[in-house]
């Protein structure tokens, strides 16, 4: 496949290898080998012939069964999503450790950017300096459903999506076999991460950065918190129950994230500052890493007034401000700061 590019960073050698175990925390702990994408996604083996009495019974297809299973499976891997800016070395080290430490094999995807893969090359070099084998992996839209790409992706224990335009990532990968292969590896224990656009795209619904046309002059004169103001598009769907915004502090994106939460109150708004990351763990906990804050907006029990007025109306939206080390349990709605629990 001539257009698939896998560019090794210093110290990395690209080539087909069997899937490796992803180390659980701590990285030295042993882990079983990860199932392949085919094992995870193709569903159970073909059913054996049924007795005549059952010949008329119908059963769902393996592909449909596997799609339903993915909705309810608890991932064994980690998500590590960064709000943009310079990714702290401590965050990079955590990513490499989760991917298998010195056995880590990381794919860095540059496709969010239309300019060049310079950022992706730098990220791959950083991972290589931390002991991982890292390659920049690029392919064209027509290749995202090829068997060769799927087979290639099955050899990685970590996947990193660089910054740029999240709509480019979504348009290239959503609904493809390549993304299904990454998802299968994540479900089986691999780590998936990204920064900026690579963070926004992790949720099922993602912010595109576009505002709808104002309905009247009052909306046009100010950036309102209003329902329906933000354009949303399909994302990867790895980060369940959330919608992500990045560069949150530097670009003052409170209004657009709160607007999205008012439109979709079942989703928790996650605003990640630059040089800061959120680690979504297999046990369901969300952990903050890095230098600044993650802000959470939880409207699942809020009172939202849906009327014809131009301004949004809502009460009892919870906001949490979490620095490094802060933990959030989305099921129990509980925050923890250094062993101090806040219900």
C-alpha atoms as a PDB file:
ATOM      1  CA  UNK A   1       0.000   0.000   0.000  1.00  0.00           C
ATOM      2  CA  UNK A   2       2.077   2.810  -1.345  1.00  0.00           C
ATOM      3  CA  UNK A   3       0.441   5.755   0.390  1.00  0.00           C
ATOM      4  CA  UNK A   4       0.604   4.493   3.963  1.00  0.00           C
ATOM      5  CA  UNK A   5       3.514   6.258   5.591  1.00  0.00           C
ATOM      6  CA  UNK A   6       5.146   5.029   8.764  1.00  0.00           C
ATOM      7  CA  UNK A   7       8.074   7.251   9.612  1.00  0.00           C
ATOM      8  CA  UNK A   8      10.294   6.002  12.438  1.00  0.00           C
ATOM      9  CA  UNK A   9      11.586   8.348  15.090  1.00  0.00           C
ATOM     10  CA  UNK A  10      15.197   7.971  16.176  1.00  0.00           C
ATOM     11  CA  UNK A  11      15.637   4.557  17.734  1.00  0.00           C
ATOM     12  CA  UNK A  12      12.398   3.150  16.257  1.00  0.00           C
ATOM     13  CA  UNK A  13      12.101   0.495  13.581  1.00  0.00           C
ATOM     14  CA  UNK A  14       8.793   0.087  11.805  1.00  0.00           C
ATOM     15  CA  UNK A  15       7.718  -3.375  10.826  1.00  0.00           C
ATOM     16  CA  UNK A  16       4.970  -5.939  11.374  1.00  0.00           C
ATOM     17  CA  UNK A  17       5.097  -7.301  14.880  1.00  0.00           C
ATOM     18  CA  UNK A  18       2.593  -9.269  16.924  1.00  0.00           C
ATOM     19  CA  UNK A  19       0.488  -7.269  19.405  1.00  0.00           C
ATOM     20  CA  UNK A  20       2.303  -6.704  22.684  1.00  0.00           C
ATOM     21  CA  UNK A  21       1.006  -6.625  26.188  1.00  0.00           C
ATOM     22  CA  UNK A  22       0.124  -3.238  27.603  1.00  0.00           C
ATOM     23  CA  UNK A  23       1.477  -2.819  31.079  1.00  0.00           C
ATOM     24  CA  UNK A  24      -1.012  -1.940  33.761  1.00  0.00           C
ATOM     25  CA  UNK A  25      -0.010   0.568  36.379  1.00  0.00           C
ATOM     26  CA  UNK A  26       2.665   0.163  37.563  1.00  0.00           C
ATOM     27  CA  UNK A  27       4.273  -0.398  34.174  1.00  0.00           C
ATOM     28  CA  UNK A  28       6.297  -3.384  35.370  1.00  0.00           C
ATOM     29  CA  UNK A  29       3.217  -5.517  36.038  1.00  0.00           C
ATOM     30  CA  UNK A  30       2.635  -8.341  33.569  1.00  0.00           C
ATOM     31  CA  UNK A  31      -0.336  -8.189  31.215  1.00  0.00           C
ATOM     32  CA  UNK A  32      -1.812 -10.735  28.814  1.00  0.00           C
ATOM     33  CA  UNK A  33      -1.395 -10.166  25.102  1.00  0.00           C
ATOM     34  CA  UNK A  34      -4.009  -7.885  23.600  1.00  0.00           C
ATOM     35  CA  UNK A  35      -6.588  -9.415  21.292  1.00  0.00           C
ATOM     36  CA  UNK A  36      -6.393  -8.302  17.691  1.00  0.00           C
ATOM     37  CA  UNK A  37      -8.915  -5.984  16.071  1.00  0.00           C
ATOM     38  CA  UNK A  38     -10.342  -8.934  14.188  1.00  0.00           C
ATOM     39  CA  UNK A  39     -10.933 -10.839  17.431  1.00  0.00           C
ATOM     40  CA  UNK A  40     -12.623  -7.867  19.096  1.00  0.00           C
ATOM     41  CA  UNK A  41     -14.688  -6.582  16.182  1.00  0.00           C
ATOM     42  CA  UNK A  42     -15.666  -9.493  13.998  1.00  0.00           C
ATOM     43  CA  UNK A  43     -17.852 -10.998  16.703  1.00  0.00           C
ATOM     44  CA  UNK A  44     -18.323 -14.630  17.725  1.00  0.00           C
ATOM     45  CA  UNK A  45     -17.558 -17.550  15.396  1.00  0.00           C
ATOM     46  CA  UNK A  46     -20.128 -18.435  12.791  1.00  0.00           C
ATOM     47  CA  UNK A  47     -23.019 -20.383  14.387  1.00  0.00           C
ATOM     48  CA  UNK A  48     -23.189 -24.126  13.864  1.00  0.00           C
ATOM     49  CA  UNK A  49     -26.170 -25.591  11.959  1.00  0.00           C
ATOM     50  CA  UNK A  50     -29.238 -25.687  14.184  1.00  0.00           C
ATOM     51  CA  UNK A  51     -31.665 -28.560  14.620  1.00  0.00           C
ATOM     52  CA  UNK A  52     -34.701 -28.500  12.380  1.00  0.00           C
ATOM     53  CA  UNK A  53     -36.922 -27.261  15.198  1.00  0.00           C
ATOM     54  CA  UNK A  54     -34.797 -24.119  15.452  1.00  0.00           C
ATOM     55  CA  UNK A  55     -34.244 -23.594  11.743  1.00  0.00           C
ATOM     56  CA  UNK A  56     -36.765 -20.782  11.555  1.00  0.00           C
ATOM     57  CA  UNK A  57     -35.290 -18.823  14.459  1.00  0.00           C
ATOM     58  CA  UNK A  58     -33.453 -15.616  13.623  1.00  0.00           C
ATOM     59  CA  UNK A  59     -30.390 -14.262  15.366  1.00  0.00           C
ATOM     60  CA  UNK A  60     -28.492 -10.985  15.054  1.00  0.00           C
ATOM     61  CA  UNK A  61     -25.503 -10.909  12.743  1.00  0.00           C
ATOM     62  CA  UNK A  62     -21.991 -11.126  14.255  1.00  0.00           C
ATOM     63  CA  UNK A  63     -21.210  -7.568  13.122  1.00  0.00           C
ATOM     64  CA  UNK A  64     -24.321  -6.191  14.816  1.00  0.00           C
ATOM     65  CA  UNK A  65     -23.603  -8.181  17.962  1.00  0.00           C
ATOM     66  CA  UNK A  66     -20.062  -6.830  18.117  1.00  0.00           C
ATOM     67  CA  UNK A  67     -21.307  -3.256  17.645  1.00  0.00           C
ATOM     68  CA  UNK A  68     -23.740  -3.665  20.547  1.00  0.00           C
ATOM     69  CA  UNK A  69     -21.039  -5.265  22.683  1.00  0.00           C
ATOM     70  CA  UNK A  70     -18.721  -2.292  22.128  1.00  0.00           C
ATOM     71  CA  UNK A  71     -21.378   0.061  23.506  1.00  0.00           C
ATOM     72  CA  UNK A  72     -21.458  -1.734  26.845  1.00  0.00           C
ATOM     73  CA  UNK A  73     -17.913  -3.055  27.239  1.00  0.00           C
ATOM     74  CA  UNK A  74     -15.770  -1.363  29.854  1.00  0.00           C
ATOM     75  CA  UNK A  75     -12.454  -0.495  28.189  1.00  0.00           C
ATOM     76  CA  UNK A  76      -9.354  -2.116  29.652  1.00  0.00           C
ATOM     77  CA  UNK A  77      -7.179   0.683  28.283  1.00  0.00           C
ATOM     78  CA  UNK A  78      -6.651   4.329  29.199  1.00  0.00           C
ATOM     79  CA  UNK A  79      -7.479   7.633  27.511  1.00  0.00           C
ATOM     80  CA  UNK A  80      -5.007  10.464  28.055  1.00  0.00           C
ATOM     81  CA  UNK A  81      -6.215  13.728  26.531  1.00  0.00           C
ATOM     82  CA  UNK A  82      -4.311  17.022  26.663  1.00  0.00           C
ATOM     83  CA  UNK A  83      -5.733  20.527  26.368  1.00  0.00           C
ATOM     84  CA  UNK A  84      -3.061  21.740  23.943  1.00  0.00           C
ATOM     85  CA  UNK A  85       0.132  23.732  24.336  1.00  0.00           C
ATOM     86  CA  UNK A  86       3.315  21.998  25.420  1.00  0.00           C
ATOM     87  CA  UNK A  87       2.600  18.545  26.803  1.00  0.00           C
ATOM     88  CA  UNK A  88       4.481  18.219  30.119  1.00  0.00           C
ATOM     89  CA  UNK A  89       7.184  15.562  30.207  1.00  0.00           C
ATOM     90  CA  UNK A  90       5.452  13.973  33.208  1.00  0.00           C
ATOM     91  CA  UNK A  91       2.354  13.440  31.057  1.00  0.00           C
ATOM     92  CA  UNK A  92       4.396  11.973  28.214  1.00  0.00           C
ATOM     93  CA  UNK A  93       6.099   9.617  30.665  1.00  0.00           C
ATOM     94  CA  UNK A  94       2.706   8.463  31.964  1.00  0.00           C
ATOM     95  CA  UNK A  95       1.540   7.777  28.416  1.00  0.00           C
ATOM     96  CA  UNK A  96       4.641   5.724  27.595  1.00  0.00           C
ATOM     97  CA  UNK A  97       4.356   3.773  30.867  1.00  0.00           C
ATOM     98  CA  UNK A  98       0.728   2.915  30.149  1.00  0.00           C
ATOM     99  CA  UNK A  99       1.668   1.806  26.631  1.00  0.00           C
ATOM    100  CA  UNK A 100       4.191  -0.690  27.958  1.00  0.00           C
ATOM    101  CA  UNK A 101       7.267   1.350  29.001  1.00  0.00           C
ATOM    102  CA  UNK A 102      10.304   0.048  27.097  1.00  0.00           C
ATOM    103  CA  UNK A 103       8.018  -2.388  25.263  1.00  0.00           C
ATOM    104  CA  UNK A 104       5.703   0.393  24.119  1.00  0.00           C
ATOM    105  CA  UNK A 105       4.966   0.713  20.414  1.00  0.00           C
ATOM    106  CA  UNK A 106       3.235   4.001  19.675  1.00  0.00           C
ATOM    107  CA  UNK A 107       1.580   5.272  16.493  1.00  0.00           C
ATOM    108  CA  UNK A 108       1.481   9.062  16.138  1.00  0.00           C
ATOM    109  CA  UNK A 109      -1.198  10.336  13.753  1.00  0.00           C
ATOM    110  CA  UNK A 110      -0.618  13.747  12.059  1.00  0.00           C
ATOM    111  CA  UNK A 111      -3.848  13.873  10.013  1.00  0.00           C
ATOM    112  CA  UNK A 112      -5.527  16.677  11.983  1.00  0.00           C
ATOM    113  CA  UNK A 113      -3.127  19.143  10.364  1.00  0.00           C
ATOM    114  CA  UNK A 114      -3.087  20.027   6.674  1.00  0.00           C
ATOM    115  CA  UNK A 115       0.297  21.786   6.873  1.00  0.00           C
ATOM    116  CA  UNK A 116       2.882  19.175   7.764  1.00  0.00           C
ATOM    117  CA  UNK A 117       3.651  16.382  10.178  1.00  0.00           C
ATOM    118  CA  UNK A 118       6.395  18.361  11.929  1.00  0.00           C
ATOM    119  CA  UNK A 119       4.542  18.305  15.261  1.00  0.00           C
ATOM    120  CA  UNK A 120       3.905  14.578  14.953  1.00  0.00           C
ATOM    121  CA  UNK A 121       7.585  13.936  14.218  1.00  0.00           C
ATOM    122  CA  UNK A 122       8.552  15.888  17.330  1.00  0.00           C
ATOM    123  CA  UNK A 123       6.089  13.928  19.468  1.00  0.00           C
ATOM    124  CA  UNK A 124       7.451  10.644  18.105  1.00  0.00           C
ATOM    125  CA  UNK A 125      10.989  11.745  18.982  1.00  0.00           C
ATOM    126  CA  UNK A 126       9.876  12.654  22.512  1.00  0.00           C
ATOM    127  CA  UNK A 127       8.324   9.221  23.014  1.00  0.00           C
ATOM    128  CA  UNK A 128      11.448   7.553  21.603  1.00  0.00           C
ATOM    129  CA  UNK A 129      13.643   9.443  24.091  1.00  0.00           C
ATOM    130  CA  UNK A 130      11.473   7.997  26.857  1.00  0.00           C
ATOM    131  CA  UNK A 131      12.197   4.454  25.709  1.00  0.00           C
ATOM    132  CA  UNK A 132       9.251   3.742  23.415  1.00  0.00           C
ATOM    133  CA  UNK A 133       9.303   2.732  19.785  1.00  0.00           C
ATOM    134  CA  UNK A 134       7.283   5.468  18.052  1.00  0.00           C
ATOM    135  CA  UNK A 135       6.369   6.083  14.419  1.00  0.00           C
ATOM    136  CA  UNK A 136       4.415   8.720  12.549  1.00  0.00           C
ATOM    137  CA  UNK A 137       1.627   6.868  10.743  1.00  0.00           C
ATOM    138  CA  UNK A 138      -0.226   8.626   7.923  1.00  0.00           C
ATOM    139  CA  UNK A 139      -2.664   7.311   5.337  1.00  0.00           C
ATOM    140  CA  UNK A 140      -5.119   8.719   2.842  1.00  0.00           C
ATOM    141  CA  UNK A 141      -8.941   8.605   3.191  1.00  0.00           C
ATOM    142  CA  UNK A 142      -9.274   5.776   0.671  1.00  0.00           C
ATOM    143  CA  UNK A 143      -6.905   3.621   2.710  1.00  0.00           C
ATOM    144  CA  UNK A 144      -8.735   3.853   6.060  1.00  0.00           C
ATOM    145  CA  UNK A 145     -10.747   0.703   5.280  1.00  0.00           C
ATOM    146  CA  UNK A 146      -7.914  -1.385   3.903  1.00  0.00           C
ATOM    147  CA  UNK A 147      -6.882  -4.676   5.470  1.00  0.00           C
ATOM    148  CA  UNK A 148      -3.244  -3.585   5.342  1.00  0.00           C
ATOM    149  CA  UNK A 149      -3.913  -0.520   7.527  1.00  0.00           C
ATOM    150  CA  UNK A 150      -5.913  -2.594  10.023  1.00  0.00           C
ATOM    151  CA  UNK A 151      -3.136  -5.178  10.241  1.00  0.00           C
ATOM    152  CA  UNK A 152      -0.541  -2.450  10.742  1.00  0.00           C
ATOM    153  CA  UNK A 153      -2.503  -0.809  13.570  1.00  0.00           C
ATOM    154  CA  UNK A 154      -2.871  -4.091  15.427  1.00  0.00           C
ATOM    155  CA  UNK A 155       0.847  -4.004  16.187  1.00  0.00           C
ATOM    156  CA  UNK A 156       0.689  -0.878  18.388  1.00  0.00           C
ATOM    157  CA  UNK A 157       0.149  -0.571  22.129  1.00  0.00           C
ATOM    158  CA  UNK A 158      -0.417   3.201  22.091  1.00  0.00           C
ATOM    159  CA  UNK A 159      -2.043   5.691  19.717  1.00  0.00           C
ATOM    160  CA  UNK A 160      -1.488   9.468  19.771  1.00  0.00           C
ATOM    161  CA  UNK A 161      -3.484  12.044  17.766  1.00  0.00           C
ATOM    162  CA  UNK A 162      -1.723  15.380  17.199  1.00  0.00           C
ATOM    163  CA  UNK A 163      -3.347  18.808  17.051  1.00  0.00           C
ATOM    164  CA  UNK A 164      -4.935  20.687  14.168  1.00  0.00           C
ATOM    165  CA  UNK A 165      -8.569  20.515  13.067  1.00  0.00           C
ATOM    166  CA  UNK A 166     -10.699  17.858  14.758  1.00  0.00           C
ATOM    167  CA  UNK A 167     -13.089  17.859  11.787  1.00  0.00           C
ATOM    168  CA  UNK A 168     -10.278  16.512   9.606  1.00  0.00           C
ATOM    169  CA  UNK A 169      -9.757  13.599  11.995  1.00  0.00           C
ATOM    170  CA  UNK A 170     -13.473  12.922  12.227  1.00  0.00           C
ATOM    171  CA  UNK A 171     -13.982  13.086   8.469  1.00  0.00           C
ATOM    172  CA  UNK A 172     -11.078  10.747   7.799  1.00  0.00           C
ATOM    173  CA  UNK A 173     -11.641   8.084  10.458  1.00  0.00           C
ATOM    174  CA  UNK A 174     -15.202   7.948  11.847  1.00  0.00           C
ATOM    175  CA  UNK A 175     -16.947   4.839  10.555  1.00  0.00           C
ATOM    176  CA  UNK A 176     -13.790   3.228   9.153  1.00  0.00           C
ATOM    177  CA  UNK A 177     -12.091  -0.085   9.842  1.00  0.00           C
ATOM    178  CA  UNK A 178      -8.964   1.808  10.896  1.00  0.00           C
ATOM    179  CA  UNK A 179     -10.788   3.521  13.763  1.00  0.00           C
ATOM    180  CA  UNK A 180     -12.462   0.237  14.701  1.00  0.00           C
ATOM    181  CA  UNK A 181      -8.993  -1.309  14.943  1.00  0.00           C
ATOM    182  CA  UNK A 182      -7.830   1.467  17.296  1.00  0.00           C
ATOM    183  CA  UNK A 183     -11.013   1.064  19.355  1.00  0.00           C
ATOM    184  CA  UNK A 184     -10.475  -2.699  19.619  1.00  0.00           C
ATOM    185  CA  UNK A 185      -6.951  -2.159  20.903  1.00  0.00           C
ATOM    186  CA  UNK A 186      -8.240   0.402  23.434  1.00  0.00           C
ATOM    187  CA  UNK A 187     -10.954  -1.975  24.641  1.00  0.00           C
ATOM    188  CA  UNK A 188      -8.322  -4.681  25.044  1.00  0.00           C
ATOM    189  CA  UNK A 189      -5.848  -2.537  27.021  1.00  0.00           C
ATOM    190  CA  UNK A 190      -3.969  -0.133  24.754  1.00  0.00           C
ATOM    191  CA  UNK A 191      -3.667   3.555  25.609  1.00  0.00           C
ATOM    192  CA  UNK A 192      -5.136   6.252  23.339  1.00  0.00           C
ATOM    193  CA  UNK A 193      -4.168   9.901  23.666  1.00  0.00           C
ATOM    194  CA  UNK A 194      -4.157  13.195  21.889  1.00  0.00           C
ATOM    195  CA  UNK A 195      -3.788  16.937  22.258  1.00  0.00           C
ATOM    196  CA  UNK A 196      -5.909  19.904  21.170  1.00  0.00           C
ATOM    197  CA  UNK A 197      -7.922  18.590  18.203  1.00  0.00           C
ATOM    198  CA  UNK A 198      -6.800  15.113  19.231  1.00  0.00           C
ATOM    199  CA  UNK A 199      -8.552  15.713  22.560  1.00  0.00           C
ATOM    200  CA  UNK A 200     -11.826  17.126  21.223  1.00  0.00           C
ATOM    201  CA  UNK A 201     -12.346  14.194  18.867  1.00  0.00           C
ATOM    202  CA  UNK A 202     -12.369  11.585  21.658  1.00  0.00           C
ATOM    203  CA  UNK A 203     -16.039  12.020  22.622  1.00  0.00           C
ATOM    204  CA  UNK A 204     -19.050  10.778  20.653  1.00  0.00           C
ATOM    205  CA  UNK A 205     -20.202  14.352  20.008  1.00  0.00           C
ATOM    206  CA  UNK A 206     -17.400  16.870  19.494  1.00  0.00           C
ATOM    207  CA  UNK A 207     -17.237  20.633  19.288  1.00  0.00           C
ATOM    208  CA  UNK A 208     -16.152  21.753  15.825  1.00  0.00           C
ATOM    209  CA  UNK A 209     -15.380  25.350  16.830  1.00  0.00           C
ATOM    210  CA  UNK A 210     -18.128  26.814  14.638  1.00  0.00           C
ATOM    211  CA  UNK A 211     -21.032  28.933  15.843  1.00  0.00           C
ATOM    212  CA  UNK A 212     -24.453  28.840  14.233  1.00  0.00           C
ATOM    213  CA  UNK A 213     -25.844  31.974  12.594  1.00  0.00           C
ATOM    214  CA  UNK A 214     -27.305  34.313  15.261  1.00  0.00           C
ATOM    215  CA  UNK A 215     -31.090  34.432  15.307  1.00  0.00           C
ATOM    216  CA  UNK A 216     -31.311  38.138  16.095  1.00  0.00           C
ATOM    217  CA  UNK A 217     -29.268  41.280  16.716  1.00  0.00           C
ATOM    218  CA  UNK A 218     -29.080  40.635  20.447  1.00  0.00           C
ATOM    219  CA  UNK A 219     -27.280  37.334  19.867  1.00  0.00           C
ATOM    220  CA  UNK A 220     -25.106  38.936  17.219  1.00  0.00           C
ATOM    221  CA  UNK A 221     -23.819  41.607  19.606  1.00  0.00           C
ATOM    222  CA  UNK A 222     -22.523  39.247  22.240  1.00  0.00           C
ATOM    223  CA  UNK A 223     -21.170  35.737  22.670  1.00  0.00           C
ATOM    224  CA  UNK A 224     -24.049  34.229  24.607  1.00  0.00           C
ATOM    225  CA  UNK A 225     -24.550  31.103  26.561  1.00  0.00           C
ATOM    226  CA  UNK A 226     -27.438  29.833  24.482  1.00  0.00           C
ATOM    227  CA  UNK A 227     -28.856  26.509  23.473  1.00  0.00           C
ATOM    228  CA  UNK A 228     -28.046  25.452  19.951  1.00  0.00           C
ATOM    229  CA  UNK A 229     -25.234  27.984  19.538  1.00  0.00           C
ATOM    230  CA  UNK A 230     -22.423  25.509  18.918  1.00  0.00           C
ATOM    231  CA  UNK A 231     -22.001  23.210  15.949  1.00  0.00           C
ATOM    232  CA  UNK A 232     -21.382  19.604  16.928  1.00  0.00           C
ATOM    233  CA  UNK A 233     -20.190  16.703  14.807  1.00  0.00           C
ATOM    234  CA  UNK A 234     -19.536  12.980  15.334  1.00  0.00           C
ATOM    235  CA  UNK A 235     -16.326  12.139  17.172  1.00  0.00           C
ATOM    236  CA  UNK A 236     -14.561   8.874  17.914  1.00  0.00           C
ATOM    237  CA  UNK A 237     -16.826   7.929  20.826  1.00  0.00           C
ATOM    238  CA  UNK A 238     -14.040   6.603  23.065  1.00  0.00           C
ATOM    239  CA  UNK A 239     -14.767   9.039  25.935  1.00  0.00           C
ATOM    240  CA  UNK A 240     -18.255   8.031  27.077  1.00  0.00           C
ATOM    241  CA  UNK A 241     -20.623  10.456  28.770  1.00  0.00           C
ATOM    242  CA  UNK A 242     -18.595  13.594  28.051  1.00  0.00           C
ATOM    243  CA  UNK A 243     -17.973  16.396  25.594  1.00  0.00           C
ATOM    244  CA  UNK A 244     -14.489  17.919  25.501  1.00  0.00           C
ATOM    245  CA  UNK A 245     -13.135  21.422  24.921  1.00  0.00           C
ATOM    246  CA  UNK A 246      -9.428  22.276  24.886  1.00  0.00           C
ATOM    247  CA  UNK A 247      -7.208  25.384  25.241  1.00  0.00           C
ATOM    248  CA  UNK A 248      -9.847  26.153  27.829  1.00  0.00           C
ATOM    249  CA  UNK A 249      -8.204  28.803  30.014  1.00  0.00           C
ATOM    250  CA  UNK A 250      -6.176  30.637  27.364  1.00  0.00           C
ATOM    251  CA  UNK A 251      -9.086  30.962  24.939  1.00  0.00           C
ATOM    252  CA  UNK A 252     -11.871  31.521  27.506  1.00  0.00           C
ATOM    253  CA  UNK A 253     -14.164  28.841  26.136  1.00  0.00           C
ATOM    254  CA  UNK A 254     -16.614  28.664  29.032  1.00  0.00           C
ATOM    255  CA  UNK A 255     -19.583  29.931  27.030  1.00  0.00           C
ATOM    256  CA  UNK A 256     -19.275  27.510  24.171  1.00  0.00           C
ATOM    257  CA  UNK A 257     -18.828  24.452  26.412  1.00  0.00           C
ATOM    258  CA  UNK A 258     -21.719  25.432  28.686  1.00  0.00           C
ATOM    259  CA  UNK A 259     -23.864  26.013  25.582  1.00  0.00           C
ATOM    260  CA  UNK A 260     -23.070  22.493  24.408  1.00  0.00           C
ATOM    261  CA  UNK A 261     -23.866  21.060  27.839  1.00  0.00           C
ATOM    262  CA  UNK A 262     -27.248  22.826  27.852  1.00  0.00           C
ATOM    263  CA  UNK A 263     -27.979  21.183  24.506  1.00  0.00           C
ATOM    264  CA  UNK A 264     -26.849  17.782  25.787  1.00  0.00           C
ATOM    265  CA  UNK A 265     -27.241  17.746  29.593  1.00  0.00           C
ATOM    266  CA  UNK A 266     -26.612  14.000  29.725  1.00  0.00           C
ATOM    267  CA  UNK A 267     -22.979  14.748  28.809  1.00  0.00           C
ATOM    268  CA  UNK A 268     -20.455  16.217  31.253  1.00  0.00           C
ATOM    269  CA  UNK A 269     -18.600  19.201  29.824  1.00  0.00           C
ATOM    270  CA  UNK A 270     -14.832  18.750  30.180  1.00  0.00           C
ATOM    271  CA  UNK A 271     -12.737  21.892  29.712  1.00  0.00           C
ATOM    272  CA  UNK A 272      -8.995  21.110  29.688  1.00  0.00           C
ATOM    273  CA  UNK A 273      -6.412  23.866  30.044  1.00  0.00           C
ATOM    274  CA  UNK A 274      -3.193  23.964  28.064  1.00  0.00           C
ATOM    275  CA  UNK A 275      -0.296  21.912  29.495  1.00  0.00           C
ATOM    276  CA  UNK A 276      -2.919  19.855  31.360  1.00  0.00           C
ATOM    277  CA  UNK A 277      -4.354  16.408  30.760  1.00  0.00           C
ATOM    278  CA  UNK A 278      -7.254  14.231  31.827  1.00  0.00           C
ATOM    279  CA  UNK A 279      -6.589  10.529  32.287  1.00  0.00           C
ATOM    280  CA  UNK A 280      -9.720   8.387  31.873  1.00  0.00           C
ATOM    281  CA  UNK A 281      -8.975   5.146  33.698  1.00  0.00           C
ATOM    282  CA  UNK A 282     -10.412   1.648  33.263  1.00  0.00           C
ATOM    283  CA  UNK A 283     -11.892   1.822  36.779  1.00  0.00           C
ATOM    284  CA  UNK A 284     -14.095   4.706  35.609  1.00  0.00           C
ATOM    285  CA  UNK A 285     -12.230   7.451  37.469  1.00  0.00           C
ATOM    286  CA  UNK A 286     -11.032  10.658  35.775  1.00  0.00           C
ATOM    287  CA  UNK A 287      -7.610  11.878  36.962  1.00  0.00           C
ATOM    288  CA  UNK A 288      -6.045  15.297  36.294  1.00  0.00           C
ATOM    289  CA  UNK A 289      -2.375  15.571  35.283  1.00  0.00           C
ATOM    290  CA  UNK A 290      -0.166  18.500  34.341  1.00  0.00           C
ATOM    291  CA  UNK A 291       0.233  22.152  35.221  1.00  0.00           C
ATOM    292  CA  UNK A 292      -3.198  23.794  35.369  1.00  0.00           C
ATOM    293  CA  UNK A 293      -6.862  22.784  35.599  1.00  0.00           C
ATOM    294  CA  UNK A 294      -9.637  20.653  34.230  1.00  0.00           C
ATOM    295  CA  UNK A 295     -13.074  22.238  34.685  1.00  0.00           C
ATOM    296  CA  UNK A 296     -16.148  20.017  34.697  1.00  0.00           C
ATOM    297  CA  UNK A 297     -19.710  21.154  34.034  1.00  0.00           C
ATOM    298  CA  UNK A 298     -22.311  18.632  35.167  1.00  0.00           C
ATOM    299  CA  UNK A 299     -25.908  19.423  34.217  1.00  0.00           C
ATOM    300  CA  UNK A 300     -27.309  15.914  34.599  1.00  0.00           C
ATOM    301  CA  UNK A 301     -29.524  17.053  37.483  1.00  0.00           C
ATOM    302  CA  UNK A 302     -29.901  20.661  36.417  1.00  0.00           C
ATOM    303  CA  UNK A 303     -33.144  22.479  35.682  1.00  0.00           C
ATOM    304  CA  UNK A 304     -33.017  23.759  32.111  1.00  0.00           C
ATOM    305  CA  UNK A 305     -35.760  26.021  30.780  1.00  0.00           C
ATOM    306  CA  UNK A 306     -36.497  25.496  27.103  1.00  0.00           C
ATOM    307  CA  UNK A 307     -38.420  28.523  25.880  1.00  0.00           C
ATOM    308  CA  UNK A 308     -38.382  30.928  22.938  1.00  0.00           C
ATOM    309  CA  UNK A 309     -36.233  33.589  24.586  1.00  0.00           C
ATOM    310  CA  UNK A 310     -32.786  34.384  23.157  1.00  0.00           C
ATOM    311  CA  UNK A 311     -30.957  33.767  26.437  1.00  0.00           C
ATOM    312  CA  UNK A 312     -30.384  30.406  28.084  1.00  0.00           C
ATOM    313  CA  UNK A 313     -31.973  29.696  31.470  1.00  0.00           C
ATOM    314  CA  UNK A 314     -30.682  26.978  33.789  1.00  0.00           C
ATOM    315  CA  UNK A 315     -30.265  26.256  37.491  1.00  0.00           C
ATOM    316  CA  UNK A 316     -28.216  23.848  39.581  1.00  0.00           C
ATOM    317  CA  UNK A 317     -25.409  23.117  37.122  1.00  0.00           C
ATOM    318  CA  UNK A 318     -22.451  21.757  39.067  1.00  0.00           C
ATOM    319  CA  UNK A 319     -18.965  23.010  38.275  1.00  0.00           C
ATOM    320  CA  UNK A 320     -15.780  21.335  39.531  1.00  0.00           C
ATOM    321  CA  UNK A 321     -12.268  22.817  39.308  1.00  0.00           C
ATOM    322  CA  UNK A 322      -9.610  20.113  39.471  1.00  0.00           C
ATOM    323  CA  UNK A 323      -5.817  20.653  39.555  1.00  0.00           C
ATOM    324  CA  UNK A 324      -3.202  17.922  39.159  1.00  0.00           C
ATOM    325  CA  UNK A 325      -4.045  14.912  41.309  1.00  0.00           C
ATOM    326  CA  UNK A 326      -7.752  15.725  41.404  1.00  0.00           C
ATOM    327  CA  UNK A 327     -10.060  12.757  40.848  1.00  0.00           C
ATOM    328  CA  UNK A 328     -13.643  12.692  39.643  1.00  0.00           C
ATOM    329  CA  UNK A 329     -16.032   9.762  39.823  1.00  0.00           C
ATOM    330  CA  UNK A 330     -18.697  10.473  37.161  1.00  0.00           C
ATOM    331  CA  UNK A 331     -21.007   7.735  38.440  1.00  0.00           C
ATOM    332  CA  UNK A 332     -21.108   8.968  42.045  1.00  0.00           C
ATOM    333  CA  UNK A 333     -20.564  12.632  41.114  1.00  0.00           C
ATOM    334  CA  UNK A 334     -17.762  12.716  43.701  1.00  0.00           C
ATOM    335  CA  UNK A 335     -14.544  14.775  43.688  1.00  0.00           C
ATOM    336  CA  UNK A 336     -11.419  13.796  45.605  1.00  0.00           C
ATOM    337  CA  UNK A 337      -8.530  16.118  46.510  1.00  0.00           C
ATOM    338  CA  UNK A 338      -5.689  14.291  48.266  1.00  0.00           C
ATOM    339  CA  UNK A 339      -7.924  11.899  50.191  1.00  0.00           C
ATOM    340  CA  UNK A 340     -10.526  14.621  50.884  1.00  0.00           C
ATOM    341  CA  UNK A 341     -13.863  13.504  49.435  1.00  0.00           C
ATOM    342  CA  UNK A 342     -16.433  16.083  48.358  1.00  0.00           C
ATOM    343  CA  UNK A 343     -19.852  14.512  47.685  1.00  0.00           C
END
